[in-house]
Protein backbone atom coordinates (compact mmCIF):
# COMPACT_ATOMS: atom_id res chain seq x y z
CA MET A 1 -24.10 -60.40 -28.25
CA PRO A 2 -23.98 -56.85 -26.89
CA ASN A 3 -20.73 -54.86 -27.01
CA ILE A 4 -19.09 -53.84 -23.72
CA PHE A 5 -16.90 -50.82 -23.07
CA PHE A 6 -14.81 -51.36 -19.92
CA GLU A 7 -12.82 -48.71 -18.09
CA SER A 8 -10.49 -49.49 -15.19
CA LEU A 9 -9.42 -46.68 -12.84
CA GLY A 10 -7.02 -46.69 -9.91
CA CYS A 11 -4.33 -49.11 -8.82
CA ASP A 12 -2.83 -52.31 -10.18
CA LYS A 13 -4.85 -54.34 -7.66
CA ASN A 14 -8.02 -52.91 -9.18
CA LEU A 15 -6.62 -53.73 -12.62
CA VAL A 16 -6.42 -57.43 -11.70
CA ASP A 17 -10.12 -57.38 -10.80
CA SER A 18 -10.85 -55.67 -14.12
CA GLU A 19 -8.91 -58.26 -16.10
CA LYS A 20 -10.80 -61.06 -14.37
CA MET A 21 -14.15 -59.39 -15.02
CA LEU A 22 -13.18 -59.06 -18.68
CA GLY A 23 -12.36 -62.76 -18.73
CA LEU A 24 -15.71 -63.74 -17.24
CA LEU A 25 -17.59 -61.53 -19.69
CA SER A 26 -15.61 -62.91 -22.62
CA ASP A 27 -16.35 -66.49 -21.54
CA ALA A 28 -20.03 -65.57 -21.38
CA GLY A 29 -19.86 -64.60 -25.06
CA TYR A 30 -19.74 -60.82 -24.81
CA SER A 31 -17.58 -58.78 -27.18
CA PHE A 32 -15.68 -55.60 -26.35
CA THR A 33 -15.21 -52.20 -27.92
CA ASP A 34 -12.80 -49.35 -27.22
CA ARG A 35 -15.34 -46.80 -28.47
CA GLU A 36 -17.89 -45.62 -25.91
CA GLU A 37 -20.37 -44.74 -28.65
CA ASP A 38 -20.43 -48.35 -29.86
CA ALA A 39 -21.12 -49.87 -26.46
CA ASP A 40 -24.37 -51.49 -25.37
CA VAL A 41 -22.96 -51.87 -21.86
CA ILE A 42 -20.47 -49.62 -20.06
CA VAL A 43 -18.63 -50.80 -16.94
CA VAL A 44 -16.45 -48.49 -14.83
CA ASN A 45 -14.21 -50.12 -12.20
CA THR A 46 -13.81 -47.20 -9.83
CA CYS A 47 -11.19 -45.98 -7.35
CA ALA A 48 -11.74 -44.23 -4.01
CA PHE A 49 -8.25 -44.15 -2.51
CA ILE A 50 -8.01 -40.35 -2.15
CA GLY A 51 -10.23 -37.39 -2.94
CA ASP A 52 -8.89 -36.83 -6.45
CA ALA A 53 -9.51 -40.48 -7.32
CA LYS A 54 -13.09 -40.32 -6.06
CA GLU A 55 -13.74 -37.18 -8.06
CA GLU A 56 -12.29 -38.77 -11.20
CA SER A 57 -14.51 -41.83 -10.76
CA ILE A 58 -17.67 -39.78 -10.30
CA GLN A 59 -16.91 -37.51 -13.23
CA GLU A 60 -16.19 -40.50 -15.44
CA ILE A 61 -19.50 -42.12 -14.52
CA LEU A 62 -21.35 -38.90 -15.34
CA ARG A 63 -19.48 -38.48 -18.62
CA LEU A 64 -20.25 -42.01 -19.74
CA ALA A 65 -23.89 -41.69 -18.65
CA ALA A 66 -24.38 -39.38 -21.62
CA TYR A 67 -24.16 -42.43 -23.89
CA LYS A 68 -27.36 -43.74 -22.30
CA GLU A 69 -29.24 -40.59 -23.19
CA ASN A 70 -27.70 -39.91 -26.57
CA GLY A 71 -26.24 -43.25 -27.66
CA ARG A 72 -26.81 -46.95 -27.82
CA CYS A 73 -25.79 -47.73 -24.23
CA ARG A 74 -28.49 -49.68 -22.38
CA SER A 75 -26.66 -50.49 -19.18
CA LEU A 76 -24.19 -48.48 -17.05
CA ILE A 77 -22.49 -50.33 -14.18
CA ALA A 78 -20.06 -49.12 -11.50
CA ALA A 79 -17.74 -51.59 -9.76
CA GLY A 80 -14.76 -51.27 -7.44
CA CYS A 81 -13.83 -49.18 -4.41
CA LEU A 82 -16.12 -46.19 -4.92
CA ALA A 83 -19.04 -48.56 -5.49
CA GLU A 84 -18.15 -50.47 -2.31
CA ARG A 85 -17.47 -47.58 0.02
CA TYR A 86 -20.25 -45.25 -1.09
CA LYS A 87 -22.95 -47.73 -2.09
CA GLU A 88 -25.85 -45.86 -0.47
CA GLU A 89 -24.77 -42.46 -1.80
CA ILE A 90 -24.22 -43.82 -5.30
CA LEU A 91 -27.60 -45.52 -5.37
CA SER A 92 -29.40 -42.35 -4.29
CA GLU A 93 -27.36 -39.70 -6.12
CA LEU A 94 -26.43 -41.38 -9.40
CA PRO A 95 -29.70 -42.67 -10.88
CA GLU A 96 -27.88 -42.98 -14.21
CA LEU A 97 -26.35 -46.23 -12.92
CA ASP A 98 -28.20 -49.47 -13.52
CA ALA A 99 -26.13 -51.49 -11.03
CA VAL A 100 -23.26 -51.24 -8.59
CA VAL A 101 -20.90 -54.15 -7.90
CA GLY A 102 -18.78 -54.29 -4.74
CA THR A 103 -15.09 -55.13 -4.47
CA SER A 104 -15.80 -58.62 -3.11
CA SER A 105 -18.42 -59.26 -5.79
CA TRP A 106 -16.61 -58.67 -9.08
CA ASP A 107 -17.22 -62.31 -10.00
CA ARG A 108 -20.93 -61.44 -10.31
CA ILE A 109 -20.31 -59.05 -13.20
CA VAL A 110 -21.91 -61.33 -15.79
CA SER A 111 -25.09 -61.51 -13.72
CA ALA A 112 -25.08 -57.72 -13.33
CA VAL A 113 -24.77 -57.21 -17.09
CA GLU A 114 -27.43 -59.76 -17.96
CA LYS A 115 -29.97 -58.57 -15.40
CA THR A 116 -29.58 -54.89 -16.24
CA LEU A 117 -30.02 -55.61 -19.94
CA HIS A 118 -33.14 -57.67 -19.24
CA LYS A 119 -34.46 -54.92 -17.03
CA ARG A 120 -34.24 -52.54 -19.95
CA ASP A 121 -35.86 -55.03 -22.29
CA ASP A 122 -38.53 -56.52 -20.06
CA LYS A 123 -38.96 -53.83 -17.41
CA ILE A 124 -38.40 -56.41 -14.65
CA THR A 125 -37.88 -55.22 -11.10
CA LEU A 126 -34.20 -55.01 -10.15
CA THR A 127 -32.61 -53.94 -6.88
CA ARG A 128 -29.45 -52.19 -7.95
CA ALA A 129 -27.61 -53.27 -4.79
CA GLU A 130 -28.22 -56.97 -5.24
CA PHE A 131 -24.72 -57.56 -6.62
CA TYR A 132 -23.06 -57.05 -3.24
CA GLU A 133 -21.53 -59.79 -1.14
CA ASP A 134 -20.05 -59.54 2.35
CA ILE A 135 -16.89 -57.42 2.12
CA SER A 136 -14.99 -60.18 3.93
CA ARG A 137 -15.67 -62.61 1.06
CA LEU A 138 -12.77 -63.54 -1.23
CA PRO A 139 -13.89 -64.16 -4.83
CA ALA A 140 -12.40 -67.24 -6.44
CA SER A 141 -8.96 -66.39 -7.84
CA GLU A 142 -9.11 -69.02 -10.57
CA GLY A 143 -10.92 -68.41 -13.81
CA PRO A 144 -10.50 -66.66 -17.13
CA ARG A 145 -8.52 -63.44 -17.38
CA ILE A 146 -7.86 -61.04 -20.23
CA LEU A 147 -4.51 -59.30 -19.83
CA THR A 148 -4.42 -55.59 -20.58
CA THR A 149 -0.69 -55.10 -19.89
CA GLY A 150 0.58 -56.27 -23.27
CA GLY A 151 0.95 -59.90 -22.29
CA HIS A 152 4.62 -59.96 -21.28
CA TYR A 153 4.02 -58.99 -17.66
CA ALA A 154 1.09 -59.43 -15.32
CA TYR A 155 0.11 -58.47 -11.80
CA LEU A 156 -0.53 -61.37 -9.45
CA LYS A 157 -2.75 -60.28 -6.56
CA ILE A 158 -1.76 -62.50 -3.65
CA ALA A 159 -4.10 -61.08 -0.99
CA GLU A 160 -7.07 -58.79 -0.57
CA GLY A 161 -7.84 -56.15 2.07
CA CYS A 162 -5.83 -54.84 5.01
CA ASP A 163 -5.81 -55.14 8.81
CA LYS A 164 -3.47 -52.22 9.54
CA TYR A 165 -6.11 -49.49 9.86
CA CYS A 166 -3.63 -46.65 9.46
CA THR A 167 -5.42 -43.52 10.62
CA TYR A 168 -5.38 -41.83 7.18
CA CYS A 169 -6.38 -44.81 5.04
CA ALA A 170 -9.82 -45.93 3.83
CA ILE A 171 -8.69 -49.18 2.20
CA PRO A 172 -10.08 -51.48 4.95
CA TYR A 173 -13.49 -49.87 4.40
CA CYS A 174 -13.26 -50.44 0.64
CA ARG A 175 -11.56 -53.84 0.60
CA GLY A 176 -12.21 -55.44 3.99
CA ARG A 177 -9.91 -57.42 6.25
CA TYR A 178 -6.73 -59.11 5.05
CA ARG A 179 -7.40 -62.34 3.15
CA SER A 180 -4.61 -64.32 1.48
CA VAL A 181 -5.23 -66.22 -1.73
CA PRO A 182 -4.36 -69.92 -1.23
CA LEU A 183 -0.80 -70.68 -2.31
CA GLU A 184 -1.75 -73.48 -4.68
CA ASP A 185 -4.25 -71.19 -6.43
CA LEU A 186 -1.54 -68.59 -7.00
CA VAL A 187 0.92 -71.11 -8.41
CA ARG A 188 -1.77 -72.42 -10.74
CA GLU A 189 -2.62 -68.88 -11.87
CA ALA A 190 1.07 -68.15 -12.47
CA GLU A 191 1.33 -71.26 -14.62
CA GLN A 192 -1.68 -70.14 -16.64
CA LEU A 193 -0.17 -66.69 -17.11
CA ALA A 194 3.17 -68.16 -18.16
CA ALA A 195 1.36 -70.34 -20.71
CA LYS A 196 -0.02 -67.12 -22.22
CA GLY A 197 3.48 -65.70 -22.62
CA VAL A 198 3.86 -63.74 -19.38
CA LYS A 199 7.53 -63.46 -18.38
CA GLU A 200 7.32 -61.08 -15.41
CA LEU A 201 5.06 -61.57 -12.40
CA ILE A 202 4.49 -58.50 -10.24
CA LEU A 203 3.22 -59.53 -6.81
CA VAL A 204 0.72 -57.09 -5.36
CA ALA A 205 -1.58 -56.79 -2.35
CA GLN A 206 -2.30 -53.98 0.03
CA GLU A 207 0.54 -55.57 1.98
CA THR A 208 2.49 -58.43 0.42
CA THR A 209 4.75 -59.17 3.38
CA LEU A 210 1.90 -60.52 5.54
CA TYR A 211 0.95 -63.09 2.93
CA GLY A 212 -0.25 -66.37 4.42
CA THR A 213 -0.59 -65.35 8.08
CA ASP A 214 -4.38 -65.62 8.02
CA LEU A 215 -4.48 -68.96 6.19
CA TYR A 216 -1.41 -70.75 7.50
CA GLY A 217 -0.59 -69.01 10.76
CA GLU A 218 2.79 -67.82 9.49
CA LYS A 219 4.30 -65.67 6.77
CA LYS A 220 4.45 -67.64 3.54
CA LEU A 221 5.76 -65.03 1.10
CA PRO A 222 9.25 -66.59 0.79
CA GLU A 223 7.74 -70.01 0.09
CA LEU A 224 5.35 -68.52 -2.47
CA ILE A 225 8.20 -66.78 -4.29
CA ARG A 226 10.27 -69.97 -4.34
CA ARG A 227 7.31 -71.85 -5.82
CA LEU A 228 6.70 -69.16 -8.42
CA GLY A 229 10.39 -69.20 -9.30
CA LYS A 230 9.97 -72.80 -10.47
CA VAL A 231 7.21 -71.91 -12.96
CA GLN A 232 8.57 -72.49 -16.45
CA GLY A 233 8.52 -69.36 -18.61
CA ILE A 234 8.62 -66.88 -15.73
CA CYS A 235 11.88 -64.90 -15.83
CA TRP A 236 11.30 -62.04 -13.41
CA ILE A 237 9.36 -61.80 -10.14
CA ARG A 238 8.87 -58.29 -8.76
CA LEU A 239 7.66 -57.50 -5.24
CA LEU A 240 5.56 -54.44 -4.42
CA TYR A 241 4.11 -53.06 -1.18
CA GLY A 242 6.28 -54.80 1.42
CA TYR A 243 5.74 -53.14 4.79
CA PRO A 244 9.03 -52.56 6.64
CA GLU A 245 7.90 -53.95 10.00
CA GLU A 246 6.92 -57.25 8.39
CA LEU A 247 10.06 -57.83 6.33
CA THR A 248 11.83 -60.88 7.78
CA ASP A 249 15.47 -61.89 7.52
CA GLU A 250 14.32 -64.90 5.49
CA MET A 251 12.74 -62.55 2.96
CA ILE A 252 15.86 -60.36 2.82
CA ASP A 253 18.01 -63.44 2.24
CA LEU A 254 15.70 -64.52 -0.58
CA PHE A 255 16.60 -61.43 -2.61
CA ALA A 256 20.17 -62.70 -2.70
CA GLU A 257 19.25 -66.36 -3.22
CA GLU A 258 16.33 -66.52 -5.70
CA PRO A 259 17.64 -65.79 -9.22
CA LYS A 260 14.25 -64.79 -10.63
CA LEU A 261 13.42 -62.31 -7.85
CA CYS A 262 14.26 -58.81 -9.06
CA HIS A 263 16.52 -56.81 -6.77
CA TYR A 264 13.70 -54.30 -6.35
CA LEU A 265 11.42 -53.59 -3.41
CA ASP A 266 8.58 -51.15 -2.92
CA LEU A 267 8.74 -50.31 0.78
CA PRO A 268 5.91 -47.97 1.87
CA ILE A 269 7.21 -45.78 4.69
CA GLN A 270 4.93 -42.68 4.64
CA HIS A 271 7.00 -40.43 6.92
CA ALA A 272 10.30 -40.01 8.76
CA SER A 273 9.08 -38.22 11.89
CA ASP A 274 8.43 -40.65 14.73
CA ARG A 275 5.75 -38.34 16.11
CA ILE A 276 3.86 -38.33 12.82
CA LEU A 277 4.36 -42.07 12.33
CA ARG A 278 2.69 -42.70 15.70
CA ALA A 279 -0.21 -40.45 14.74
CA MET A 280 -0.55 -42.34 11.46
CA GLY A 281 -0.76 -45.65 13.31
CA ARG A 282 2.41 -46.91 11.64
CA LYS A 283 4.48 -49.57 13.38
CA THR A 284 8.04 -48.42 12.72
CA THR A 285 10.39 -45.60 13.68
CA ARG A 286 12.88 -43.75 11.53
CA GLU A 287 15.74 -45.57 13.26
CA GLU A 288 14.17 -48.98 12.59
CA VAL A 289 13.52 -48.20 8.93
CA THR A 290 17.06 -46.90 8.48
CA ALA A 291 18.49 -50.07 10.03
CA LEU A 292 16.33 -52.23 7.77
CA ILE A 293 17.47 -50.39 4.66
CA ARG A 294 21.08 -50.77 5.77
CA ARG A 295 20.58 -54.55 6.10
CA LEU A 296 18.93 -54.73 2.68
CA ARG A 297 21.75 -52.85 0.98
CA GLU A 298 24.43 -54.86 2.75
CA LYS A 299 22.82 -58.13 1.70
CA VAL A 300 21.84 -57.00 -1.81
CA PRO A 301 24.13 -54.10 -2.83
CA ASP A 302 22.36 -53.38 -6.13
CA ILE A 303 18.82 -53.45 -4.73
CA ALA A 304 16.56 -50.67 -6.03
CA LEU A 305 14.36 -49.33 -3.25
CA ARG A 306 11.15 -47.49 -3.92
CA THR A 307 9.01 -45.79 -1.29
CA THR A 308 6.16 -43.34 -0.84
CA LEU A 309 6.00 -40.45 1.59
CA MET A 310 3.07 -38.30 2.65
CA SER A 311 3.23 -34.53 3.07
CA GLY A 312 0.91 -32.45 5.21
CA PHE A 313 -0.49 -35.08 7.57
CA PRO A 314 -2.55 -33.39 10.33
CA GLY A 315 -0.28 -31.77 12.88
CA GLU A 316 2.80 -31.91 10.65
CA THR A 317 5.13 -29.05 11.58
CA GLU A 318 8.02 -27.53 9.69
CA GLU A 319 10.30 -29.63 11.91
CA ASP A 320 8.47 -32.80 10.85
CA HIS A 321 8.74 -31.80 7.21
CA ALA A 322 12.45 -31.12 7.69
CA GLU A 323 12.80 -34.69 9.01
CA ASN A 324 11.30 -35.98 5.78
CA LEU A 325 13.77 -33.93 3.77
CA SER A 326 16.76 -35.05 5.81
CA PHE A 327 15.62 -38.69 5.62
CA VAL A 328 15.39 -38.55 1.82
CA SER A 329 18.83 -36.94 1.66
CA GLU A 330 20.29 -39.58 3.98
CA ILE A 331 18.76 -42.71 2.41
CA ARG A 332 18.89 -41.62 -1.25
CA PHE A 333 16.13 -43.90 -2.51
CA GLU A 334 16.39 -45.07 -6.09
CA ARG A 335 12.67 -44.40 -6.55
CA LEU A 336 10.34 -42.23 -4.49
CA GLY A 337 6.84 -40.78 -4.80
CA VAL A 338 5.06 -38.28 -2.57
CA PHE A 339 1.34 -37.88 -1.89
CA ALA A 340 -0.17 -34.80 -0.33
CA TYR A 341 -2.42 -35.89 2.55
CA SER A 342 -6.06 -36.39 1.56
CA ARG A 343 -8.68 -36.01 4.31
CA GLU A 344 -10.86 -39.11 3.99
CA GLU A 345 -14.18 -39.20 5.81
CA GLY A 346 -14.59 -42.17 8.09
CA THR A 347 -10.89 -42.35 8.94
CA ALA A 348 -9.50 -41.40 12.33
CA ALA A 349 -7.19 -38.72 10.89
CA ALA A 350 -10.13 -36.86 9.35
CA SER A 351 -11.14 -35.76 12.85
CA PHE A 352 -7.64 -34.80 13.97
CA LYS A 353 -7.00 -31.19 14.91
CA ASP A 354 -4.39 -29.05 13.15
CA GLN A 355 -5.31 -30.05 9.61
CA VAL A 356 -2.62 -28.67 7.30
CA PRO A 357 -3.88 -26.28 4.57
CA LYS A 358 -3.96 -27.80 1.10
CA ARG A 359 -1.55 -25.24 -0.36
CA LEU A 360 1.04 -26.03 2.33
CA ARG A 361 0.58 -29.80 1.85
CA GLU A 362 1.29 -29.41 -1.84
CA LYS A 363 4.22 -27.05 -1.25
CA ARG A 364 5.88 -29.60 1.00
CA ARG A 365 5.18 -32.37 -1.50
CA ASN A 366 6.83 -30.36 -4.25
CA GLU A 367 9.89 -29.69 -2.08
CA LEU A 368 10.30 -33.41 -1.43
CA MET A 369 9.89 -34.26 -5.10
CA ARG A 370 12.45 -31.66 -6.17
CA LEU A 371 14.95 -33.15 -3.75
CA GLN A 372 14.23 -36.67 -4.96
CA GLN A 373 14.51 -35.60 -8.60
CA LYS A 374 18.02 -34.33 -7.93
CA ILE A 375 18.94 -37.63 -6.24
CA ALA A 376 17.38 -39.73 -9.01
CA PHE A 377 19.20 -37.79 -11.74
CA GLU A 378 22.51 -38.20 -9.88
CA LYS A 379 21.95 -41.93 -9.53
CA ALA A 380 21.09 -42.23 -13.23
CA LYS A 381 24.38 -40.53 -14.13
CA GLU A 382 26.23 -43.21 -12.15
CA MET A 383 24.83 -45.98 -14.39
CA PRO A 384 26.89 -45.66 -17.63
CA GLY A 385 29.30 -48.54 -17.97
CA ARG A 386 27.00 -51.08 -16.31
CA GLN A 387 25.58 -54.03 -18.21
CA LEU A 388 21.95 -54.79 -17.40
CA ASP A 389 19.35 -57.30 -18.45
CA VAL A 390 16.32 -55.43 -19.79
CA MET A 391 12.81 -56.38 -20.84
CA VAL A 392 11.74 -54.93 -24.18
CA GLU A 393 8.56 -52.84 -24.03
CA GLY A 394 8.40 -51.94 -27.71
CA SER A 395 10.07 -49.82 -30.35
CA VAL A 396 10.17 -46.04 -30.71
CA ALA A 397 7.88 -44.78 -33.45
CA ASP A 398 9.67 -43.15 -36.40
CA GLU A 399 13.08 -44.24 -35.04
CA GLU A 400 14.53 -47.30 -36.71
CA HIS A 401 16.10 -49.87 -34.38
CA VAL A 402 15.45 -47.82 -31.22
CA TYR A 403 13.74 -49.80 -28.50
CA VAL A 404 12.09 -49.00 -25.16
CA SER A 405 12.82 -51.30 -22.24
CA ARG A 406 12.76 -51.67 -18.47
CA THR A 407 15.55 -52.81 -16.16
CA TYR A 408 15.13 -54.85 -12.98
CA ALA A 409 14.96 -51.48 -11.19
CA ASP A 410 11.91 -50.26 -13.10
CA ALA A 411 8.34 -51.31 -12.39
CA PRO A 412 5.84 -50.59 -15.19
CA ASP A 413 4.19 -47.16 -15.33
CA VAL A 414 5.84 -45.74 -12.18
CA ASP A 415 9.58 -45.88 -12.84
CA GLY A 416 11.98 -44.93 -15.61
CA LEU A 417 12.82 -46.53 -18.96
CA LEU A 418 15.95 -47.54 -20.82
CA PHE A 419 16.20 -46.70 -24.52
CA PHE A 420 18.63 -48.78 -26.55
CA THR A 421 19.68 -49.19 -30.15
CA SER A 422 20.32 -52.39 -32.06
CA GLY A 423 20.38 -53.56 -35.64
CA LYS A 424 18.51 -56.70 -34.60
CA GLU A 425 14.74 -57.07 -34.40
CA TYR A 426 13.24 -57.53 -30.95
CA LEU A 427 9.72 -58.25 -29.77
CA THR A 428 7.92 -56.98 -26.70
CA GLY A 429 8.86 -59.19 -23.78
CA ASP A 430 12.28 -60.17 -25.11
CA LEU A 431 15.06 -60.12 -22.53
CA VAL A 432 18.27 -58.50 -23.77
CA ARG A 433 21.67 -57.61 -22.29
CA VAL A 434 22.39 -53.89 -22.68
CA LEU A 435 25.37 -51.69 -21.92
CA VAL A 436 24.30 -48.38 -20.37
CA THR A 437 25.97 -45.53 -22.25
CA GLY A 438 24.20 -42.45 -20.92
CA ALA A 439 21.36 -40.95 -18.90
CA LYS A 440 18.68 -38.40 -19.60
CA GLY A 441 16.64 -37.34 -16.59
CA TYR A 442 15.07 -40.41 -15.01
CA ASP A 443 15.76 -42.55 -18.10
CA LEU A 444 18.82 -44.41 -19.34
CA ILE A 445 20.33 -44.85 -22.80
CA GLY A 446 22.21 -47.93 -23.95
CA GLU A 447 23.19 -50.30 -26.69
CA VAL A 448 22.88 -54.04 -27.04
CA VAL A 449 25.83 -56.13 -25.97
CA GLU A 450 26.31 -58.20 -29.11
CA ASP A 451 26.01 -61.95 -28.80
CA GLU A 452 24.68 -61.56 -25.29
CA SER A 453 21.14 -62.47 -24.28
CA ALA A 454 19.41 -62.38 -20.94
CA GLU A 455 17.14 -65.30 -21.85
């Protein structure tokens, strides 16, 4: 069978689609290679969230197209958000591609590979856009999946699309309306992942807090988490992308009640100025968000809160930027990221007056990140003396008995790490009790608490 080289760009939600495409291709008998030059087929699962992501996707397609001209590659396929949002442009401007597969059609990847290979062999007629389904379709969640995260944690995508239509965001045009995955399907998928050795489930969607409203007429996230908490083998459940206006008291209580639910919440806020929040189409005010965070911290004192802010939204003044700075100083988030506004065609904000110059957008972003860095370092220095359960990520090369791990407060790839020493041997995915002894920047240092295990 032909070899396939697969590249996944963008977010963790895109990664889930990639892992499921890999599973389908593997079941169909295809083999994989991590060397582009050895590939008969190259698939790029693209991103189109902001301008930089679109540019990266296009440049990667063009780079890999060289293996069709000067290598063994016979089929080049683009999938994902760029392929969905810019189908017509891609088909006309990137003739190097043999097929494009939309975000609601990733389960047709085997057909796309087979037909493009046969086209090359038999010169059959192929419409490159035939692998598109209605963007409102929800591909079946069940099926084979090849994990690319190391096997000890996995993302569980509980819904697709978004109905918010924030004025700056193109996601509804790439992913369609909000569609929840049936609860029973998610529990079954979690059981399959646990059987493969997964210990941490990370729940993702464009908005997790609305889960179930379209299928069941009410929010079902607490029920889903309770059901997932009963899956044997799952030790941690982590929640990302919970919108503040949709966070119920029941969900807040669940953080204190469900032992497997990490005291961690990604809470996208975007801005602190009420004027800018209204222009963004957001549904909360600074006062409401502050009150919500106060309730969360009162109910769950050790909760780690992560958020994202945007700098340089159209019309943002120095006063608005100062509100962002004062908000960050007041709330003191454990984790925070900042995006400079990206003007996305087709969105309402792209036509707004008073677009902020790119240099000023980036300057304001850097000021926010410097402030947050100071806060994060101060919080890290408060950690020595605490005992924490950590999940082992691996060992440090060339350093005997030094291990890399994550605490409940650290999501993979975006947050810090904890380095600890021990004379014992540990495997990736092991849960261990560690005493924090120091801090270095965003990261912590510790040592194993002997005869203690988090399992």
